[in-house]
PDB file of N, CA and C in Angstrom:
ATOM      1  N   UNK A   1      98.641  92.180  88.636  1.00  0.00           N
ATOM      2  CA  UNK A   1      97.844  91.900  90.003  1.00  0.00           C
ATOM      3  C   UNK A   1      98.872  91.472  91.024  1.00  0.00           C
ATOM      4  N   UNK A   2      98.900  91.781  92.245  1.00  0.00           N
ATOM      5  CA  UNK A   2      99.667  91.309  93.102  1.00  0.00           C
ATOM      6  C   UNK A   2      99.363  90.030  93.974  1.00  0.00           C
ATOM      7  N   UNK A   3      99.851  89.231  94.142  1.00  0.00           N
ATOM      8  CA  UNK A   3      99.387  87.937  94.723  1.00  0.00           C
ATOM      9  C   UNK A   3      99.838  87.806  96.203  1.00  0.00           C
ATOM     10  N   UNK A   4      98.990  87.762  97.238  1.00  0.00           N
ATOM     11  CA  UNK A   4      99.024  87.528  98.371  1.00  0.00           C
ATOM     12  C   UNK A   4      98.910  86.260  98.954  1.00  0.00           C
ATOM     13  N   UNK A   5      99.792  85.498  99.412  1.00  0.00           N
ATOM     14  CA  UNK A   5      99.314  84.282 100.119  1.00  0.00           C
ATOM     15  C   UNK A   5      99.502  84.482 101.682  1.00  0.00           C
ATOM     16  N   UNK A   6      98.051  84.343 102.335  1.00  0.00           N
ATOM     17  CA  UNK A   6      98.478  84.506 103.555  1.00  0.00           C
ATOM     18  C   UNK A   6      98.215  83.308 104.290  1.00  0.00           C
ATOM     19  N   UNK A   7      98.989  83.000 105.376  1.00  0.00           N
ATOM     20  CA  UNK A   7      98.754  81.815 106.439  1.00  0.00           C
ATOM     21  C   UNK A   7      97.702  82.496 107.599  1.00  0.00           C
ATOM     22  N   UNK A   8      96.958  81.868 107.520  1.00  0.00           N
ATOM     23  CA  UNK A   8      95.651  82.082 108.713  1.00  0.00           C
ATOM     24  C   UNK A   8      96.016  81.529 109.913  1.00  0.00           C
ATOM     25  N   UNK A   9      96.302  82.169 110.953  1.00  0.00           N
ATOM     26  CA  UNK A   9      96.731  82.149 112.263  1.00  0.00           C
ATOM     27  C   UNK A   9      95.591  81.694 113.230  1.00  0.00           C
ATOM     28  N   UNK A  10      95.827  80.715 113.930  1.00  0.00           N
ATOM     29  CA  UNK A  10      94.958  80.494 114.937  1.00  0.00           C
ATOM     30  C   UNK A  10      94.775  81.563 116.061  1.00  0.00           C
ATOM     31  N   UNK A  11      93.676  82.306 116.321  1.00  0.00           N
ATOM     32  CA  UNK A  11      93.467  83.150 117.182  1.00  0.00           C
ATOM     33  C   UNK A  11      93.164  82.631 118.561  1.00  0.00           C
ATOM     34  N   UNK A  12      93.002  81.656 118.793  1.00  0.00           N
ATOM     35  CA  UNK A  12      92.476  80.959 120.211  1.00  0.00           C
ATOM     36  C   UNK A  12      91.132  81.107 120.404  1.00  0.00           C
ATOM     37  N   UNK A  13      90.449  81.904 119.633  1.00  0.00           N
ATOM     38  CA  UNK A  13      88.955  82.030 119.889  1.00  0.00           C
ATOM     39  C   UNK A  13      88.293  80.971 119.292  1.00  0.00           C
ATOM     40  N   UNK A  14      87.045  80.572 119.772  1.00  0.00           N
ATOM     41  CA  UNK A  14      86.550  79.430 119.128  1.00  0.00           C
ATOM     42  C   UNK A  14      86.153  79.901 117.877  1.00  0.00           C
ATOM     43  N   UNK A  15      85.818  79.107 116.669  1.00  0.00           N
ATOM     44  CA  UNK A  15      85.441  79.426 115.217  1.00  0.00           C
ATOM     45  C   UNK A  15      84.074  79.363 115.485  1.00  0.00           C
ATOM     46  N   UNK A  16      83.214  80.438 114.770  1.00  0.00           N
ATOM     47  CA  UNK A  16      81.831  80.478 114.612  1.00  0.00           C
ATOM     48  C   UNK A  16      81.491  79.353 113.764  1.00  0.00           C
ATOM     49  N   UNK A  17      80.198  78.899 114.176  1.00  0.00           N
ATOM     50  CA  UNK A  17      79.615  77.822 113.646  1.00  0.00           C
ATOM     51  C   UNK A  17      79.117  78.488 112.129  1.00  0.00           C
ATOM     52  N   UNK A  18      79.967  78.037 110.952  1.00  0.00           N
ATOM     53  CA  UNK A  18      79.646  78.443 109.932  1.00  0.00           C
ATOM     54  C   UNK A  18      78.291  78.077 109.110  1.00  0.00           C
ATOM     55  N   UNK A  19      77.868  76.739 109.830  1.00  0.00           N
ATOM     56  CA  UNK A  19      76.531  76.171 109.285  1.00  0.00           C
ATOM     57  C   UNK A  19      75.261  77.214 109.824  1.00  0.00           C
ATOM     58  N   UNK A  20      75.415  77.830 111.046  1.00  0.00           N
ATOM     59  CA  UNK A  20      74.433  78.645 111.589  1.00  0.00           C
ATOM     60  C   UNK A  20      74.732  80.004 111.354  1.00  0.00           C
ATOM     61  N   UNK A  21      75.894  80.389 110.919  1.00  0.00           N
ATOM     62  CA  UNK A  21      76.141  82.014 110.825  1.00  0.00           C
ATOM     63  C   UNK A  21      76.419  82.106 109.182  1.00  0.00           C
ATOM     64  N   UNK A  22      75.669  83.003 108.569  1.00  0.00           N
ATOM     65  CA  UNK A  22      76.114  83.246 107.222  1.00  0.00           C
ATOM     66  C   UNK A  22      77.347  83.832 107.060  1.00  0.00           C
ATOM     67  N   UNK A  23      77.470  84.874 107.891  1.00  0.00           N
ATOM     68  CA  UNK A  23      78.886  85.583 107.674  1.00  0.00           C
ATOM     69  C   UNK A  23      80.007  84.755 107.911  1.00  0.00           C
ATOM     70  N   UNK A  24      79.967  83.872 108.916  1.00  0.00           N
ATOM     71  CA  UNK A  24      81.222  83.042 109.012  1.00  0.00           C
ATOM     72  C   UNK A  24      81.358  82.023 107.959  1.00  0.00           C
ATOM     73  N   UNK A  25      80.218  81.482 107.344  1.00  0.00           N
ATOM     74  CA  UNK A  25      80.145  80.751 106.045  1.00  0.00           C
ATOM     75  C   UNK A  25      81.098  81.406 104.895  1.00  0.00           C
ATOM     76  N   UNK A  26      80.526  82.622 104.705  1.00  0.00           N
ATOM     77  CA  UNK A  26      81.068  83.052 103.568  1.00  0.00           C
ATOM     78  C   UNK A  26      82.709  83.616 104.041  1.00  0.00           C
ATOM     79  N   UNK A  27      83.040  84.097 105.161  1.00  0.00           N
ATOM     80  CA  UNK A  27      84.380  84.182 105.479  1.00  0.00           C
ATOM     81  C   UNK A  27      85.257  82.998 105.282  1.00  0.00           C
ATOM     82  N   UNK A  28      84.739  81.678 105.585  1.00  0.00           N
ATOM     83  CA  UNK A  28      85.550  80.435 105.343  1.00  0.00           C
ATOM     84  C   UNK A  28      85.574  80.338 103.783  1.00  0.00           C
ATOM     85  N   UNK A  29      84.326  80.467 102.862  1.00  0.00           N
ATOM     86  CA  UNK A  29      84.765  80.151 101.850  1.00  0.00           C
ATOM     87  C   UNK A  29      85.770  81.489 100.995  1.00  0.00           C
ATOM     88  N   UNK A  30      85.514  82.548 101.422  1.00  0.00           N
ATOM     89  CA  UNK A  30      86.674  83.580 101.225  1.00  0.00           C
ATOM     90  C   UNK A  30      88.076  82.966 101.280  1.00  0.00           C
ATOM     91  N   UNK A  31      88.204  82.570 102.527  1.00  0.00           N
ATOM     92  CA  UNK A  31      89.523  82.194 103.142  1.00  0.00           C
ATOM     93  C   UNK A  31      90.006  80.846 102.302  1.00  0.00           C
ATOM     94  N   UNK A  32      89.039  80.130 101.733  1.00  0.00           N
ATOM     95  CA  UNK A  32      89.373  78.639 101.293  1.00  0.00           C
ATOM     96  C   UNK A  32      90.185  78.933  99.934  1.00  0.00           C
ATOM     97  N   UNK A  33      90.197  80.114  99.238  1.00  0.00           N
ATOM     98  CA  UNK A  33      90.765  80.227  97.903  1.00  0.00           C
ATOM     99  C   UNK A  33      92.000  81.123  97.992  1.00  0.00           C
ATOM    100  N   UNK A  34      92.826  81.112  97.051  1.00  0.00           N
ATOM    101  CA  UNK A  34      94.193  82.109  97.328  1.00  0.00           C
ATOM    102  C   UNK A  34      93.985  83.611  97.134  1.00  0.00           C
ATOM    103  N   UNK A  35      94.462  84.285  97.747  1.00  0.00           N
ATOM    104  CA  UNK A  35      93.950  85.512  97.847  1.00  0.00           C
ATOM    105  C   UNK A  35      94.897  86.343  96.882  1.00  0.00           C
ATOM    106  N   UNK A  36      94.333  87.198  96.043  1.00  0.00           N
ATOM    107  CA  UNK A  36      94.928  88.020  95.125  1.00  0.00           C
ATOM    108  C   UNK A  36      94.575  89.273  95.309  1.00  0.00           C
ATOM    109  N   UNK A  37      95.266  90.368  95.210  1.00  0.00           N
ATOM    110  CA  UNK A  37      95.055  91.660  95.150  1.00  0.00           C
ATOM    111  C   UNK A  37      95.076  92.445  93.629  1.00  0.00           C
ATOM    112  N   UNK A  38      93.942  93.024  93.549  1.00  0.00           N
ATOM    113  CA  UNK A  38      93.934  94.163  92.408  1.00  0.00           C
ATOM    114  C   UNK A  38      94.794  94.965  92.488  1.00  0.00           C
ATOM    115  N   UNK A  39      95.448  95.718  91.211  1.00  0.00           N
ATOM    116  CA  UNK A  39      96.072  96.913  91.387  1.00  0.00           C
ATOM    117  C   UNK A  39      95.354  97.967  92.081  1.00  0.00           C
ATOM    118  N   UNK A  40      93.999  98.221  91.953  1.00  0.00           N
ATOM    119  CA  UNK A  40      93.318  99.213  92.723  1.00  0.00           C
ATOM    120  C   UNK A  40      93.008  98.997  93.985  1.00  0.00           C
ATOM    121  N   UNK A  41      92.915  97.652  94.420  1.00  0.00           N
ATOM    122  CA  UNK A  41      93.147  97.319  95.656  1.00  0.00           C
ATOM    123  C   UNK A  41      94.219  97.591  96.528  1.00  0.00           C
ATOM    124  N   UNK A  42      95.503  97.185  95.964  1.00  0.00           N
ATOM    125  CA  UNK A  42      96.689  97.431  96.602  1.00  0.00           C
ATOM    126  C   UNK A  42      97.233  98.987  96.616  1.00  0.00           C
ATOM    127  N   UNK A  43      96.421  99.869  95.878  1.00  0.00           N
ATOM    128  CA  UNK A  43      96.573 101.390  95.772  1.00  0.00           C
ATOM    129  C   UNK A  43      95.991 101.793  96.982  1.00  0.00           C
ATOM    130  N   UNK A  44      94.757 101.249  97.153  1.00  0.00           N
ATOM    131  CA  UNK A  44      93.785 101.883  98.315  1.00  0.00           C
ATOM    132  C   UNK A  44      94.277 101.463  99.756  1.00  0.00           C
ATOM    133  N   UNK A  45      94.542 100.132  99.552  1.00  0.00           N
ATOM    134  CA  UNK A  45      95.430  99.637 101.017  1.00  0.00           C
ATOM    135  C   UNK A  45      96.647 100.563 101.087  1.00  0.00           C
ATOM    136  N   UNK A  46      97.696 100.655 100.307  1.00  0.00           N
ATOM    137  CA  UNK A  46      98.849 101.697 100.844  1.00  0.00           C
ATOM    138  C   UNK A  46      98.410 103.032 101.043  1.00  0.00           C
ATOM    139  N   UNK A  47      97.327 103.631 100.405  1.00  0.00           N
ATOM    140  CA  UNK A  47      97.075 105.071 100.575  1.00  0.00           C
ATOM    141  C   UNK A  47      96.278 105.046 101.973  1.00  0.00           C
ATOM    142  N   UNK A  48      95.561 104.047 102.444  1.00  0.00           N
ATOM    143  CA  UNK A  48      94.934 104.212 103.818  1.00  0.00           C
ATOM    144  C   UNK A  48      95.457 103.382 104.846  1.00  0.00           C
ATOM    145  N   UNK A  49      96.795 103.059 104.695  1.00  0.00           N
ATOM    146  CA  UNK A  49      97.544 102.414 105.577  1.00  0.00           C
ATOM    147  C   UNK A  49      96.930 101.035 106.179  1.00  0.00           C
ATOM    148  N   UNK A  50      96.494 100.230 105.228  1.00  0.00           N
ATOM    149  CA  UNK A  50      95.770  98.973 105.428  1.00  0.00           C
ATOM    150  C   UNK A  50      96.807  97.842 104.797  1.00  0.00           C
ATOM    151  N   UNK A  51      97.155  97.240 105.965  1.00  0.00           N
ATOM    152  CA  UNK A  51      98.405  96.058 105.524  1.00  0.00           C
ATOM    153  C   UNK A  51      97.580  94.764 105.361  1.00  0.00           C
ATOM    154  N   UNK A  52      98.375  93.472 104.789  1.00  0.00           N
ATOM    155  CA  UNK A  52      97.984  92.363 104.504  1.00  0.00           C
ATOM    156  C   UNK A  52      97.235  91.512 105.809  1.00  0.00           C
ATOM    157  N   UNK A  53      97.928  92.020 106.965  1.00  0.00           N
ATOM    158  CA  UNK A  53      97.596  91.202 108.118  1.00  0.00           C
ATOM    159  C   UNK A  53      96.275  91.920 108.628  1.00  0.00           C
ATOM    160  N   UNK A  54      96.035  93.237 108.365  1.00  0.00           N
ATOM    161  CA  UNK A  54      94.782  93.637 108.792  1.00  0.00           C
ATOM    162  C   UNK A  54      93.361  92.873 107.845  1.00  0.00           C
ATOM    163  N   UNK A  55      93.881  92.782 106.372  1.00  0.00           N
ATOM    164  CA  UNK A  55      92.963  92.060 105.634  1.00  0.00           C
ATOM    165  C   UNK A  55      92.733  90.679 105.957  1.00  0.00           C
ATOM    166  N   UNK A  56      93.661  89.960 106.647  1.00  0.00           N
ATOM    167  CA  UNK A  56      93.510  88.879 106.968  1.00  0.00           C
ATOM    168  C   UNK A  56      92.793  88.613 108.076  1.00  0.00           C
ATOM    169  N   UNK A  57      92.728  89.517 108.922  1.00  0.00           N
ATOM    170  CA  UNK A  57      91.919  89.334 110.493  1.00  0.00           C
ATOM    171  C   UNK A  57      90.544  89.714 109.900  1.00  0.00           C
ATOM    172  N   UNK A  58      90.179  90.504 108.853  1.00  0.00           N
ATOM    173  CA  UNK A  58      88.858  90.660 108.551  1.00  0.00           C
ATOM    174  C   UNK A  58      88.265  89.299 108.067  1.00  0.00           C
ATOM    175  N   UNK A  59      89.195  88.273 107.410  1.00  0.00           N
ATOM    176  CA  UNK A  59      88.760  87.180 107.045  1.00  0.00           C
ATOM    177  C   UNK A  59      88.341  86.289 108.004  1.00  0.00           C
ATOM    178  N   UNK A  60      88.921  86.690 108.918  1.00  0.00           N
ATOM    179  CA  UNK A  60      88.907  85.584 110.314  1.00  0.00           C
ATOM    180  C   UNK A  60      87.681  85.984 111.158  1.00  0.00           C
ATOM    181  N   UNK A  61      87.700  87.221 111.491  1.00  0.00           N
ATOM    182  CA  UNK A  61      86.498  87.822 112.402  1.00  0.00           C
ATOM    183  C   UNK A  61      85.557  88.941 111.849  1.00  0.00           C
ATOM    184  N   UNK A  62      85.739  89.392 110.726  1.00  0.00           N
ATOM    185  CA  UNK A  62      84.981  90.630 110.092  1.00  0.00           C
ATOM    186  C   UNK A  62      83.639  89.991 110.117  1.00  0.00           C
ATOM    187  N   UNK A  63      82.629  91.022 109.762  1.00  0.00           N
ATOM    188  CA  UNK A  63      81.410  90.978 109.585  1.00  0.00           C
ATOM    189  C   UNK A  63      80.875  91.259 108.295  1.00  0.00           C
ATOM    190  N   UNK A  64      80.301  90.196 107.543  1.00  0.00           N
ATOM    191  CA  UNK A  64      79.602  90.220 106.008  1.00  0.00           C
ATOM    192  C   UNK A  64      78.376  91.492 106.309  1.00  0.00           C
ATOM    193  N   UNK A  65      78.582  92.228 105.249  1.00  0.00           N
ATOM    194  CA  UNK A  65      77.497  93.534 105.159  1.00  0.00           C
ATOM    195  C   UNK A  65      76.854  92.774 103.839  1.00  0.00           C
ATOM    196  N   UNK A  66      75.606  91.754 103.932  1.00  0.00           N
ATOM    197  CA  UNK A  66      74.894  91.452 102.803  1.00  0.00           C
ATOM    198  C   UNK A  66      74.375  92.172 101.729  1.00  0.00           C
ATOM    199  N   UNK A  67      73.742  93.730 102.442  1.00  0.00           N
ATOM    200  CA  UNK A  67      73.213  94.506 101.698  1.00  0.00           C
ATOM    201  C   UNK A  67      74.031  95.251 100.520  1.00  0.00           C
ATOM    202  N   UNK A  68      75.461  94.995 100.986  1.00  0.00           N
ATOM    203  CA  UNK A  68      76.445  95.491  99.791  1.00  0.00           C
ATOM    204  C   UNK A  68      76.970  94.405  98.807  1.00  0.00           C
ATOM    205  N   UNK A  69      76.449  93.322  98.782  1.00  0.00           N
ATOM    206  CA  UNK A  69      76.853  92.353  97.985  1.00  0.00           C
ATOM    207  C   UNK A  69      76.369  92.634  96.526  1.00  0.00           C
ATOM    208  N   UNK A  70      77.323  92.741  95.673  1.00  0.00           N
ATOM    209  CA  UNK A  70      76.854  92.697  94.071  1.00  0.00           C
ATOM    210  C   UNK A  70      77.301  91.384  93.499  1.00  0.00           C
ATOM    211  N   UNK A  71      76.128  91.052  92.483  1.00  0.00           N
ATOM    212  CA  UNK A  71      76.398  90.047  91.627  1.00  0.00           C
ATOM    213  C   UNK A  71      76.369  90.342  90.145  1.00  0.00           C
ATOM    214  N   UNK A  72      77.276  91.694  89.874  1.00  0.00           N
ATOM    215  CA  UNK A  72      76.952  92.043  88.426  1.00  0.00           C
ATOM    216  C   UNK A  72      77.995  91.677  87.788  1.00  0.00           C
ATOM    217  N   UNK A  73      79.039  90.965  88.113  1.00  0.00           N
ATOM    218  CA  UNK A  73      79.997  90.625  87.127  1.00  0.00           C
ATOM    219  C   UNK A  73      80.437  89.172  87.076  1.00  0.00           C
ATOM    220  N   UNK A  74      81.324  88.546  86.762  1.00  0.00           N
ATOM    221  CA  UNK A  74      81.922  87.286  86.795  1.00  0.00           C
ATOM    222  C   UNK A  74      81.877  86.647  88.251  1.00  0.00           C
ATOM    223  N   UNK A  75      82.498  87.657  89.352  1.00  0.00           N
ATOM    224  CA  UNK A  75      82.476  87.159  90.608  1.00  0.00           C
ATOM    225  C   UNK A  75      81.762  88.031  91.357  1.00  0.00           C
ATOM    226  N   UNK A  76      81.030  87.419  92.374  1.00  0.00           N
ATOM    227  CA  UNK A  76      80.192  88.362  93.433  1.00  0.00           C
ATOM    228  C   UNK A  76      81.197  89.276  94.133  1.00  0.00           C
ATOM    229  N   UNK A  77      80.783  90.160  94.534  1.00  0.00           N
ATOM    230  CA  UNK A  77      81.663  91.090  95.727  1.00  0.00           C
ATOM    231  C   UNK A  77      81.013  91.219  96.664  1.00  0.00           C
ATOM    232  N   UNK A  78      81.920  91.285  97.966  1.00  0.00           N
ATOM    233  CA  UNK A  78      81.159  91.057  99.261  1.00  0.00           C
ATOM    234  C   UNK A  78      82.028  91.995 100.040  1.00  0.00           C
ATOM    235  N   UNK A  79      81.241  93.052 100.930  1.00  0.00           N
ATOM    236  CA  UNK A  79      81.783  93.823 101.691  1.00  0.00           C
ATOM    237  C   UNK A  79      82.096  93.132 103.226  1.00  0.00           C
ATOM    238  N   UNK A  80      83.135  93.331 103.594  1.00  0.00           N
ATOM    239  CA  UNK A  80      83.637  92.418 104.923  1.00  0.00           C
ATOM    240  C   UNK A  80      84.044  93.793 105.709  1.00  0.00           C
ATOM    241  N   UNK A  81      83.197  94.045 107.063  1.00  0.00           N
ATOM    242  CA  UNK A  81      83.814  95.253 108.031  1.00  0.00           C
ATOM    243  C   UNK A  81      84.253  94.529 109.226  1.00  0.00           C
ATOM    244  N   UNK A  82      85.047  95.604 109.689  1.00  0.00           N
ATOM    245  CA  UNK A  82      85.699  95.279 111.200  1.00  0.00           C
ATOM    246  C   UNK A  82      86.617  96.123 111.671  1.00  0.00           C
ATOM    247  N   UNK A  83      87.141  95.942 112.912  1.00  0.00           N
ATOM    248  CA  UNK A  83      88.083  97.005 113.502  1.00  0.00           C
ATOM    249  C   UNK A  83      89.413  96.317 113.582  1.00  0.00           C
ATOM    250  N   UNK A  84      90.607  97.288 113.317  1.00  0.00           N
ATOM    251  CA  UNK A  84      91.781  96.201 112.887  1.00  0.00           C
ATOM    252  C   UNK A  84      92.437  96.485 114.296  1.00  0.00           C
ATOM    253  N   UNK A  85      93.589  95.716 114.551  1.00  0.00           N
ATOM    254  CA  UNK A  85      94.290  95.697 115.981  1.00  0.00           C
ATOM    255  C   UNK A  85      94.731  97.267 116.097  1.00  0.00           C
ATOM    256  N   UNK A  86      94.889  98.185 115.292  1.00  0.00           N
ATOM    257  CA  UNK A  86      95.223  99.515 115.659  1.00  0.00           C
ATOM    258  C   UNK A  86      94.445 100.319 115.467  1.00  0.00           C
ATOM    259  N   UNK A  87      93.106 100.032 115.547  1.00  0.00           N
ATOM    260  CA  UNK A  87      91.879 100.705 115.718  1.00  0.00           C
ATOM    261  C   UNK A  87      91.186 101.394 114.560  1.00  0.00           C
ATOM    262  N   UNK A  88      91.467 100.766 113.358  1.00  0.00           N
ATOM    263  CA  UNK A  88      91.032 101.585 112.045  1.00  0.00           C
ATOM    264  C   UNK A  88      89.587 100.718 111.987  1.00  0.00           C
ATOM    265  N   UNK A  89      88.709 101.320 111.560  1.00  0.00           N
ATOM    266  CA  UNK A  89      87.330 101.048 111.254  1.00  0.00           C
ATOM    267  C   UNK A  89      87.468 100.657 109.799  1.00  0.00           C
ATOM    268  N   UNK A  90      87.352  99.381 109.378  1.00  0.00           N
ATOM    269  CA  UNK A  90      87.872  98.733 107.958  1.00  0.00           C
ATOM    270  C   UNK A  90      86.506  98.392 107.321  1.00  0.00           C
ATOM    271  N   UNK A  91      86.307  98.727 105.862  1.00  0.00           N
ATOM    272  CA  UNK A  91      85.571  97.862 104.868  1.00  0.00           C
ATOM    273  C   UNK A  91      86.430  97.437 103.887  1.00  0.00           C
ATOM    274  N   UNK A  92      86.494  95.848 103.440  1.00  0.00           N
ATOM    275  CA  UNK A  92      87.150  95.696 102.554  1.00  0.00           C
ATOM    276  C   UNK A  92      86.507  94.755 101.473  1.00  0.00           C
ATOM    277  N   UNK A  93      86.227  95.153 100.151  1.00  0.00           N
ATOM    278  CA  UNK A  93      85.396  94.387  99.359  1.00  0.00           C
ATOM    279  C   UNK A  93      86.397  93.473  98.742  1.00  0.00           C
ATOM    280  N   UNK A  94      85.783  92.217  98.699  1.00  0.00           N
ATOM    281  CA  UNK A  94      86.389  90.843  98.313  1.00  0.00           C
ATOM    282  C   UNK A  94      85.559  90.299  97.040  1.00  0.00           C
ATOM    283  N   UNK A  95      86.187  89.927  95.973  1.00  0.00           N
ATOM    284  CA  UNK A  95      85.318  89.256  94.883  1.00  0.00           C
ATOM    285  C   UNK A  95      85.850  88.099  94.874  1.00  0.00           C
ATOM    286  N   UNK A  96      84.406  86.858  95.068  1.00  0.00           N
ATOM    287  CA  UNK A  96      84.502  85.694  95.238  1.00  0.00           C
ATOM    288  C   UNK A  96      84.422  84.763  93.863  1.00  0.00           C
ATOM    289  N   UNK A  97      85.825  84.692  93.338  1.00  0.00           N
ATOM    290  CA  UNK A  97      86.001  84.104  92.092  1.00  0.00           C
ATOM    291  C   UNK A  97      86.142  82.627  92.014  1.00  0.00           C
ATOM    292  N   UNK A  98      85.771  81.682  91.119  1.00  0.00           N
ATOM    293  CA  UNK A  98      85.816  80.392  91.078  1.00  0.00           C
ATOM    294  C   UNK A  98      87.234  79.956  91.612  1.00  0.00           C
ATOM    295  N   UNK A  99      88.344  80.578  91.523  1.00  0.00           N
ATOM    296  CA  UNK A  99      89.580  79.931  91.859  1.00  0.00           C
ATOM    297  C   UNK A  99      90.329  80.705  92.718  1.00  0.00           C
ATOM    298  N   UNK A 100      89.838  81.970  92.926  1.00  0.00           N
ATOM    299  CA  UNK A 100      90.464  82.949  93.790  1.00  0.00           C
ATOM    300  C   UNK A 100      89.558  83.924  94.300  1.00  0.00           C
ATOM    301  N   UNK A 101      90.138  84.625  95.625  1.00  0.00           N
ATOM    302  CA  UNK A 101      89.513  85.691  96.236  1.00  0.00           C
ATOM    303  C   UNK A 101      90.307  86.781  95.923  1.00  0.00           C
ATOM    304  N   UNK A 102      89.765  88.008  95.619  1.00  0.00           N
ATOM    305  CA  UNK A 102      90.219  88.979  95.129  1.00  0.00           C
ATOM    306  C   UNK A 102      90.064  90.385  95.902  1.00  0.00           C
ATOM    307  N   UNK A 103      90.946  91.014  96.546  1.00  0.00           N
ATOM    308  CA  UNK A 103      90.865  92.301  97.111  1.00  0.00           C
ATOM    309  C   UNK A 103      90.681  93.363  96.209  1.00  0.00           C
ATOM    310  N   UNK A 104      89.253  94.084  96.359  1.00  0.00           N
ATOM    311  CA  UNK A 104      88.987  94.818  95.062  1.00  0.00           C
ATOM    312  C   UNK A 104      89.228  96.159  95.451  1.00  0.00           C
ATOM    313  N   UNK A 105      89.048  96.571  96.913  1.00  0.00           N
ATOM    314  CA  UNK A 105      89.191  97.840  97.507  1.00  0.00           C
ATOM    315  C   UNK A 105      89.012  97.678  98.997  1.00  0.00           C
ATOM    316  N   UNK A 106      89.859  98.580  99.418  1.00  0.00           N
ATOM    317  CA  UNK A 106      89.999  98.749 100.955  1.00  0.00           C
ATOM    318  C   UNK A 106      89.870 100.180 101.523  1.00  0.00           C
ATOM    319  N   UNK A 107      88.738  99.993 102.615  1.00  0.00           N
ATOM    320  CA  UNK A 107      88.121 101.727 103.030  1.00  0.00           C
ATOM    321  C   UNK A 107      88.335 101.547 104.343  1.00  0.00           C
ATOM    322  N   UNK A 108      88.970 102.909 104.976  1.00  0.00           N
ATOM    323  CA  UNK A 108      89.045 103.255 106.294  1.00  0.00           C
ATOM    324  C   UNK A 108      87.896 104.046 106.624  1.00  0.00           C
ATOM    325  N   UNK A 109      86.616 103.645 107.198  1.00  0.00           N
ATOM    326  CA  UNK A 109      85.258 104.508 107.249  1.00  0.00           C
ATOM    327  C   UNK A 109      85.454 105.467 108.349  1.00  0.00           C
ATOM    328  N   UNK A 110      86.379 105.815 108.978  1.00  0.00           N
ATOM    329  CA  UNK A 110      86.622 106.952 109.989  1.00  0.00           C
ATOM    330  C   UNK A 110      87.285 108.063 109.621  1.00  0.00           C
ATOM    331  N   UNK A 111      88.211 107.759 108.230  1.00  0.00           N
ATOM    332  CA  UNK A 111      89.015 108.875 107.914  1.00  0.00           C
ATOM    333  C   UNK A 111      89.135 109.043 106.513  1.00  0.00           C
ATOM    334  N   UNK A 112      89.007 110.013 105.892  1.00  0.00           N
ATOM    335  CA  UNK A 112      89.127 110.424 104.683  1.00  0.00           C
ATOM    336  C   UNK A 112      90.619 110.450 104.172  1.00  0.00           C
ATOM    337  N   UNK A 113      90.972 109.652 103.504  1.00  0.00           N
ATOM    338  CA  UNK A 113      92.368 109.684 102.742  1.00  0.00           C
ATOM    339  C   UNK A 113      92.282 110.532 101.405  1.00  0.00           C
ATOM    340  N   UNK A 114      93.587 111.333 101.158  1.00  0.00           N
ATOM    341  CA  UNK A 114      93.333 111.752  99.583  1.00  0.00           C
ATOM    342  C   UNK A 114      94.198 110.540  98.811  1.00  0.00           C
ATOM    343  N   UNK A 115      93.485 109.557  98.334  1.00  0.00           N
ATOM    344  CA  UNK A 115      93.829 108.889  97.206  1.00  0.00           C
ATOM    345  C   UNK A 115      93.698 109.047  95.657  1.00  0.00           C
ATOM    346  N   UNK A 116      94.650 108.798  95.042  1.00  0.00           N
ATOM    347  CA  UNK A 116      94.295 108.819  93.701  1.00  0.00           C
ATOM    348  C   UNK A 116      94.636 107.554  92.983  1.00  0.00           C
ATOM    349  N   UNK A 117      93.708 106.616  92.883  1.00  0.00           N
ATOM    350  CA  UNK A 117      94.132 105.394  92.543  1.00  0.00           C
ATOM    351  C   UNK A 117      93.092 105.329  91.302  1.00  0.00           C
ATOM    352  N   UNK A 118      93.830 104.533  90.252  1.00  0.00           N
ATOM    353  CA  UNK A 118      92.988 104.048  88.972  1.00  0.00           C
ATOM    354  C   UNK A 118      92.139 103.222  89.098  1.00  0.00           C
TER     355      UNK A 118
END
């Protein structure tokens, strides 16, 4: 697995109140752990032209899609959606593990890419 350490830059926008916004609370929790990318996640990011900065931006201002949350393994998985600076409509699935946040997969919601990932 590839380890990505991201420095979260201040965007100048006021941070959402995590106490009142469940999406902001989850994003803060996911950002609080080291970020690791699974082999599948790296392959999907590469194939779909999604880079680490776009993933980082989703962890700052993306939207949690609670109906896509799964609790079927040791780490809960959460889909976060948002638009990248280059206009891609993205969904990234993160696994919230006790000691890390894992990038499980990354999807460009507007474009089908011919990916062949294990």
